[in-house]
N, C-alpha and C. Protein backbone atom coordinates (compact mmCIF):
# COMPACT_ATOMS: atom_id res chain seq x y z
N MET A 1 -10.72 6.40 -5.12
CA MET A 1 -11.70 7.07 -5.95
C MET A 1 -11.44 6.72 -7.41
N PRO A 2 -12.46 6.30 -8.12
CA PRO A 2 -12.26 5.98 -9.54
C PRO A 2 -11.99 7.24 -10.36
N VAL A 3 -11.06 7.13 -11.27
CA VAL A 3 -10.63 8.27 -12.06
C VAL A 3 -11.38 8.35 -13.39
N LEU A 4 -11.92 7.23 -13.86
CA LEU A 4 -12.58 7.21 -15.16
C LEU A 4 -13.75 8.20 -15.27
N PRO A 5 -14.62 8.33 -14.25
CA PRO A 5 -15.68 9.34 -14.38
C PRO A 5 -15.14 10.76 -14.46
N LEU A 6 -14.02 11.03 -13.78
CA LEU A 6 -13.42 12.36 -13.86
C LEU A 6 -12.86 12.62 -15.26
N ILE A 7 -12.28 11.60 -15.87
CA ILE A 7 -11.77 11.75 -17.24
C ILE A 7 -12.94 12.00 -18.19
N ASP A 8 -14.02 11.24 -18.02
CA ASP A 8 -15.20 11.44 -18.86
C ASP A 8 -15.79 12.83 -18.68
N LEU A 9 -15.83 13.31 -17.45
CA LEU A 9 -16.35 14.65 -17.18
C LEU A 9 -15.49 15.72 -17.87
N MET A 10 -14.17 15.55 -17.79
CA MET A 10 -13.28 16.53 -18.44
C MET A 10 -13.49 16.55 -19.95
N ILE A 11 -13.67 15.38 -20.55
CA ILE A 11 -13.90 15.32 -21.99
C ILE A 11 -15.25 15.94 -22.34
N LEU A 12 -16.27 15.68 -21.52
CA LEU A 12 -17.59 16.27 -21.76
C LEU A 12 -17.55 17.79 -21.65
N VAL A 13 -16.87 18.31 -20.63
CA VAL A 13 -16.75 19.76 -20.47
C VAL A 13 -15.98 20.37 -21.64
N ALA A 14 -14.95 19.69 -22.10
CA ALA A 14 -14.16 20.20 -23.21
C ALA A 14 -14.99 20.29 -24.48
N TRP A 15 -15.73 19.23 -24.80
CA TRP A 15 -16.53 19.26 -26.02
C TRP A 15 -17.68 20.26 -25.92
N THR A 16 -18.26 20.39 -24.74
CA THR A 16 -19.31 21.39 -24.54
C THR A 16 -18.74 22.79 -24.73
N SER A 17 -17.56 23.04 -24.21
CA SER A 17 -16.92 24.35 -24.38
C SER A 17 -16.61 24.62 -25.85
N LEU A 18 -16.12 23.61 -26.56
CA LEU A 18 -15.83 23.80 -27.99
C LEU A 18 -17.10 24.11 -28.78
N ILE A 19 -18.15 23.36 -28.50
CA ILE A 19 -19.41 23.60 -29.22
C ILE A 19 -19.93 25.01 -28.92
N TRP A 20 -19.88 25.40 -27.64
CA TRP A 20 -20.35 26.74 -27.30
C TRP A 20 -19.48 27.81 -27.95
N ALA A 21 -18.19 27.58 -28.04
CA ALA A 21 -17.31 28.56 -28.69
C ALA A 21 -17.69 28.74 -30.16
N PHE A 22 -17.98 27.65 -30.85
CA PHE A 22 -18.37 27.76 -32.26
C PHE A 22 -19.74 28.42 -32.41
N VAL A 23 -20.68 28.10 -31.51
CA VAL A 23 -22.00 28.74 -31.56
C VAL A 23 -21.87 30.23 -31.28
N GLN A 24 -21.10 30.58 -30.28
CA GLN A 24 -20.91 32.00 -29.94
C GLN A 24 -20.24 32.75 -31.08
N LYS A 25 -19.24 32.16 -31.70
CA LYS A 25 -18.56 32.82 -32.82
C LYS A 25 -19.51 32.97 -34.00
N ALA A 26 -20.35 31.96 -34.26
CA ALA A 26 -21.32 32.05 -35.34
C ALA A 26 -22.33 33.16 -35.07
N LEU A 27 -22.75 33.30 -33.83
CA LEU A 27 -23.67 34.38 -33.48
C LEU A 27 -23.01 35.74 -33.63
N TRP A 28 -21.73 35.83 -33.29
CA TRP A 28 -21.00 37.08 -33.48
C TRP A 28 -20.99 37.48 -34.96
N LEU A 29 -20.72 36.48 -35.81
CA LEU A 29 -20.66 36.76 -37.24
C LEU A 29 -22.04 37.05 -37.81
N ALA A 30 -23.07 36.36 -37.34
CA ALA A 30 -24.42 36.53 -37.88
C ALA A 30 -25.02 37.88 -37.50
N PHE A 31 -24.82 38.31 -36.26
CA PHE A 31 -25.45 39.55 -35.80
C PHE A 31 -24.51 40.74 -35.80
N ALA A 32 -23.27 40.54 -36.17
CA ALA A 32 -22.27 41.61 -36.24
C ALA A 32 -22.17 42.38 -34.92
N SER A 33 -22.33 41.69 -33.84
CA SER A 33 -22.13 42.31 -32.53
C SER A 33 -21.47 41.27 -31.62
N THR A 34 -20.77 41.77 -30.65
CA THR A 34 -20.07 40.86 -29.74
C THR A 34 -20.80 40.83 -28.41
N PHE A 35 -20.99 39.66 -27.91
CA PHE A 35 -21.53 39.46 -26.57
C PHE A 35 -20.72 38.36 -25.92
N THR A 36 -20.71 38.37 -24.62
CA THR A 36 -19.93 37.37 -23.89
C THR A 36 -20.82 36.67 -22.88
N VAL A 37 -20.41 35.51 -22.50
CA VAL A 37 -21.08 34.75 -21.44
C VAL A 37 -20.13 34.77 -20.25
N LEU A 38 -20.54 35.43 -19.19
CA LEU A 38 -19.70 35.60 -18.00
C LEU A 38 -18.36 36.24 -18.35
N GLY A 39 -18.36 37.08 -19.38
CA GLY A 39 -17.14 37.77 -19.78
C GLY A 39 -16.17 36.91 -20.59
N LEU A 40 -16.60 35.73 -21.01
CA LEU A 40 -15.72 34.82 -21.75
C LEU A 40 -16.01 34.90 -23.25
N THR A 41 -14.97 35.03 -24.03
CA THR A 41 -15.08 35.06 -25.48
C THR A 41 -14.92 33.65 -26.04
N PRO A 42 -15.18 33.45 -27.33
CA PRO A 42 -14.96 32.10 -27.90
C PRO A 42 -13.52 31.60 -27.71
N TYR A 43 -12.57 32.51 -27.79
CA TYR A 43 -11.17 32.11 -27.58
C TYR A 43 -10.99 31.52 -26.18
N ASP A 44 -11.63 32.12 -25.18
CA ASP A 44 -11.51 31.61 -23.81
C ASP A 44 -12.10 30.21 -23.69
N PHE A 45 -13.23 29.98 -24.39
CA PHE A 45 -13.84 28.65 -24.34
C PHE A 45 -12.96 27.61 -25.03
N VAL A 46 -12.34 27.98 -26.14
CA VAL A 46 -11.44 27.05 -26.83
C VAL A 46 -10.22 26.75 -25.95
N LEU A 47 -9.70 27.78 -25.31
CA LEU A 47 -8.55 27.59 -24.42
C LEU A 47 -8.92 26.68 -23.24
N GLY A 48 -10.10 26.91 -22.66
CA GLY A 48 -10.55 26.05 -21.56
C GLY A 48 -10.75 24.61 -22.01
N ALA A 49 -11.27 24.43 -23.23
CA ALA A 49 -11.46 23.07 -23.75
C ALA A 49 -10.11 22.38 -23.94
N GLY A 50 -9.14 23.10 -24.43
CA GLY A 50 -7.81 22.52 -24.60
C GLY A 50 -7.20 22.10 -23.27
N ILE A 51 -7.38 22.92 -22.26
CA ILE A 51 -6.85 22.59 -20.93
C ILE A 51 -7.56 21.36 -20.37
N CYS A 52 -8.88 21.29 -20.54
CA CYS A 52 -9.62 20.12 -20.06
C CYS A 52 -9.18 18.84 -20.77
N LEU A 53 -8.98 18.92 -22.08
CA LEU A 53 -8.53 17.73 -22.82
C LEU A 53 -7.13 17.30 -22.42
N LEU A 54 -6.25 18.26 -22.19
CA LEU A 54 -4.89 17.91 -21.74
C LEU A 54 -4.92 17.29 -20.35
N PHE A 55 -5.75 17.82 -19.47
CA PHE A 55 -5.87 17.26 -18.13
C PHE A 55 -6.43 15.83 -18.19
N ALA A 56 -7.44 15.61 -19.04
CA ALA A 56 -8.00 14.27 -19.19
C ALA A 56 -6.96 13.31 -19.75
N LEU A 57 -6.16 13.78 -20.70
CA LEU A 57 -5.10 12.94 -21.26
C LEU A 57 -4.05 12.60 -20.21
N ALA A 58 -3.68 13.56 -19.39
CA ALA A 58 -2.71 13.30 -18.33
C ALA A 58 -3.24 12.29 -17.32
N LEU A 59 -4.51 12.42 -16.94
CA LEU A 59 -5.09 11.45 -16.01
C LEU A 59 -5.14 10.06 -16.62
N ALA A 60 -5.53 9.98 -17.89
CA ALA A 60 -5.59 8.67 -18.55
C ALA A 60 -4.21 8.04 -18.64
N ALA A 61 -3.20 8.85 -18.91
CA ALA A 61 -1.84 8.32 -18.99
C ALA A 61 -1.37 7.81 -17.63
N ARG A 62 -1.69 8.55 -16.57
CA ARG A 62 -1.31 8.10 -15.22
C ARG A 62 -1.98 6.78 -14.87
N VAL A 63 -3.25 6.67 -15.20
CA VAL A 63 -3.99 5.43 -14.90
C VAL A 63 -3.40 4.27 -15.69
N TRP A 64 -3.08 4.50 -16.96
CA TRP A 64 -2.52 3.44 -17.79
C TRP A 64 -1.17 3.00 -17.25
N VAL A 65 -0.31 3.94 -16.92
CA VAL A 65 1.03 3.59 -16.41
C VAL A 65 0.91 2.85 -15.09
N LYS A 66 0.03 3.33 -14.21
CA LYS A 66 -0.13 2.68 -12.91
C LYS A 66 -0.66 1.26 -13.07
N ALA A 67 -1.54 1.04 -14.05
CA ALA A 67 -2.10 -0.30 -14.26
C ALA A 67 -1.08 -1.25 -14.86
N HIS A 68 -0.18 -0.75 -15.69
CA HIS A 68 0.77 -1.62 -16.38
C HIS A 68 2.16 -1.65 -15.72
N GLU A 69 2.36 -0.89 -14.67
CA GLU A 69 3.67 -0.83 -14.03
C GLU A 69 4.15 -2.17 -13.50
N PRO A 70 3.32 -2.94 -12.76
CA PRO A 70 3.83 -4.22 -12.25
C PRO A 70 4.26 -5.17 -13.37
N LYS A 71 3.50 -5.20 -14.46
CA LYS A 71 3.85 -6.09 -15.57
C LYS A 71 5.17 -5.64 -16.22
N LEU A 72 5.35 -4.34 -16.38
CA LEU A 72 6.59 -3.84 -16.99
C LEU A 72 7.79 -4.10 -16.09
N ILE A 73 7.62 -3.92 -14.80
CA ILE A 73 8.73 -4.19 -13.87
C ILE A 73 9.08 -5.67 -13.89
N HIS A 74 8.05 -6.52 -13.94
CA HIS A 74 8.29 -7.96 -13.99
C HIS A 74 9.03 -8.35 -15.27
N MET A 75 8.63 -7.75 -16.39
CA MET A 75 9.31 -8.05 -17.66
C MET A 75 10.77 -7.60 -17.63
N LEU A 76 11.04 -6.42 -17.07
CA LEU A 76 12.42 -5.95 -16.97
C LEU A 76 13.24 -6.84 -16.04
N HIS A 77 12.62 -7.29 -14.96
CA HIS A 77 13.34 -8.15 -14.03
C HIS A 77 13.68 -9.50 -14.67
N ARG A 78 12.72 -10.05 -15.43
CA ARG A 78 12.97 -11.34 -16.10
C ARG A 78 14.01 -11.21 -17.20
N ALA A 79 14.08 -10.04 -17.84
CA ALA A 79 15.05 -9.84 -18.91
C ALA A 79 16.45 -9.52 -18.36
N GLY A 80 16.55 -9.33 -17.05
CA GLY A 80 17.86 -9.06 -16.46
C GLY A 80 18.23 -7.59 -16.45
N HIS A 81 17.30 -6.72 -16.74
CA HIS A 81 17.57 -5.27 -16.72
C HIS A 81 17.16 -4.71 -15.38
N GLN A 82 18.02 -4.85 -14.42
CA GLN A 82 17.73 -4.30 -13.11
C GLN A 82 18.30 -2.90 -13.05
N GLY A 83 17.77 -2.11 -12.15
CA GLY A 83 18.21 -0.73 -12.01
C GLY A 83 19.68 -0.64 -11.65
N ALA A 84 20.27 0.49 -11.94
CA ALA A 84 21.67 0.71 -11.60
C ALA A 84 21.82 0.73 -10.08
N PRO A 85 22.92 0.22 -9.56
CA PRO A 85 23.10 0.23 -8.11
C PRO A 85 23.24 1.66 -7.58
N VAL A 86 22.86 1.82 -6.33
CA VAL A 86 22.96 3.13 -5.69
C VAL A 86 24.42 3.37 -5.35
N GLU A 87 24.93 4.50 -5.78
CA GLU A 87 26.33 4.82 -5.48
C GLU A 87 26.41 5.57 -4.17
N THR A 88 27.40 5.20 -3.37
CA THR A 88 27.66 5.93 -2.13
C THR A 88 29.09 6.42 -2.17
N LEU A 89 29.35 7.42 -1.39
CA LEU A 89 30.71 7.94 -1.33
C LEU A 89 31.62 6.91 -0.67
N PRO A 90 32.89 6.83 -1.09
CA PRO A 90 33.77 5.81 -0.52
C PRO A 90 34.06 6.02 0.96
N ASP A 91 33.95 7.23 1.47
CA ASP A 91 34.25 7.49 2.88
C ASP A 91 33.11 7.07 3.80
N PHE A 92 31.93 6.89 3.26
CA PHE A 92 30.76 6.58 4.08
C PHE A 92 30.23 5.21 3.71
N PRO A 93 29.92 4.39 4.68
CA PRO A 93 29.36 3.07 4.37
C PRO A 93 27.92 3.20 3.88
N ASP A 94 27.47 2.18 3.19
CA ASP A 94 26.10 2.14 2.70
C ASP A 94 25.17 2.02 3.90
N PRO A 95 24.21 2.94 4.10
CA PRO A 95 23.37 2.91 5.30
C PRO A 95 22.34 1.79 5.30
N ARG A 96 22.11 1.16 4.17
CA ARG A 96 21.12 0.09 4.11
C ARG A 96 21.70 -1.20 4.68
N PRO A 97 20.87 -2.04 5.27
CA PRO A 97 21.37 -3.35 5.72
C PRO A 97 21.84 -4.17 4.52
N ALA A 98 22.74 -5.09 4.77
CA ALA A 98 23.34 -5.89 3.70
C ALA A 98 22.29 -6.71 2.95
N ALA A 99 21.23 -7.11 3.61
CA ALA A 99 20.21 -7.94 2.96
C ALA A 99 19.41 -7.13 1.93
N ASN A 100 19.31 -5.81 2.10
CA ASN A 100 18.52 -4.98 1.20
C ASN A 100 19.31 -4.43 0.02
N ARG A 101 20.61 -4.64 0.01
CA ARG A 101 21.44 -4.10 -1.07
C ARG A 101 21.21 -4.89 -2.35
N MET A 102 21.43 -4.22 -3.46
CA MET A 102 21.31 -4.89 -4.76
C MET A 102 22.51 -5.79 -4.96
N PRO A 103 22.38 -6.87 -5.72
CA PRO A 103 23.47 -7.85 -5.87
C PRO A 103 24.74 -7.25 -6.47
N GLY A 104 24.69 -6.33 -7.38
CA GLY A 104 25.90 -5.81 -8.01
C GLY A 104 26.41 -4.52 -7.40
N ALA A 105 25.87 -4.10 -6.27
CA ALA A 105 26.20 -2.80 -5.70
C ALA A 105 27.64 -2.77 -5.16
N ALA A 106 28.12 -3.85 -4.60
CA ALA A 106 29.46 -3.85 -3.99
C ALA A 106 30.52 -3.70 -5.09
N SER A 107 30.35 -4.36 -6.22
CA SER A 107 31.36 -4.28 -7.28
C SER A 107 31.30 -2.91 -7.98
N ALA A 108 30.17 -2.27 -7.98
CA ALA A 108 30.04 -0.97 -8.65
C ALA A 108 30.68 0.14 -7.83
N ARG A 109 30.82 -0.06 -6.52
CA ARG A 109 31.40 0.99 -5.66
C ARG A 109 32.91 0.97 -5.72
N ARG A 110 33.50 -0.08 -6.17
CA ARG A 110 34.97 -0.19 -6.15
C ARG A 110 35.60 0.50 -7.31
């Protein structure tokens, strides 16, 4: 499922909520009376907009990281920065087959 339309929807809902919060607050000040929409005050709309924007930002960050992860892993591998070897207790052998072990894992266990 594409995530970009969901991010756009979250941003649209956030801006709509912010605009409605400002309109509602202006009406409160203009008519000197308080009214709510479905029991929500301007503060609630601003809070909802903030949550929508944070959710959209989190989704965008996940998409960006997922799209750039293979390139970053390839760059780290070419630079020689491989992950630290998995440590096992000395009393127990490494459960992985020898072919799947990292090259420096045997020297790190000693």
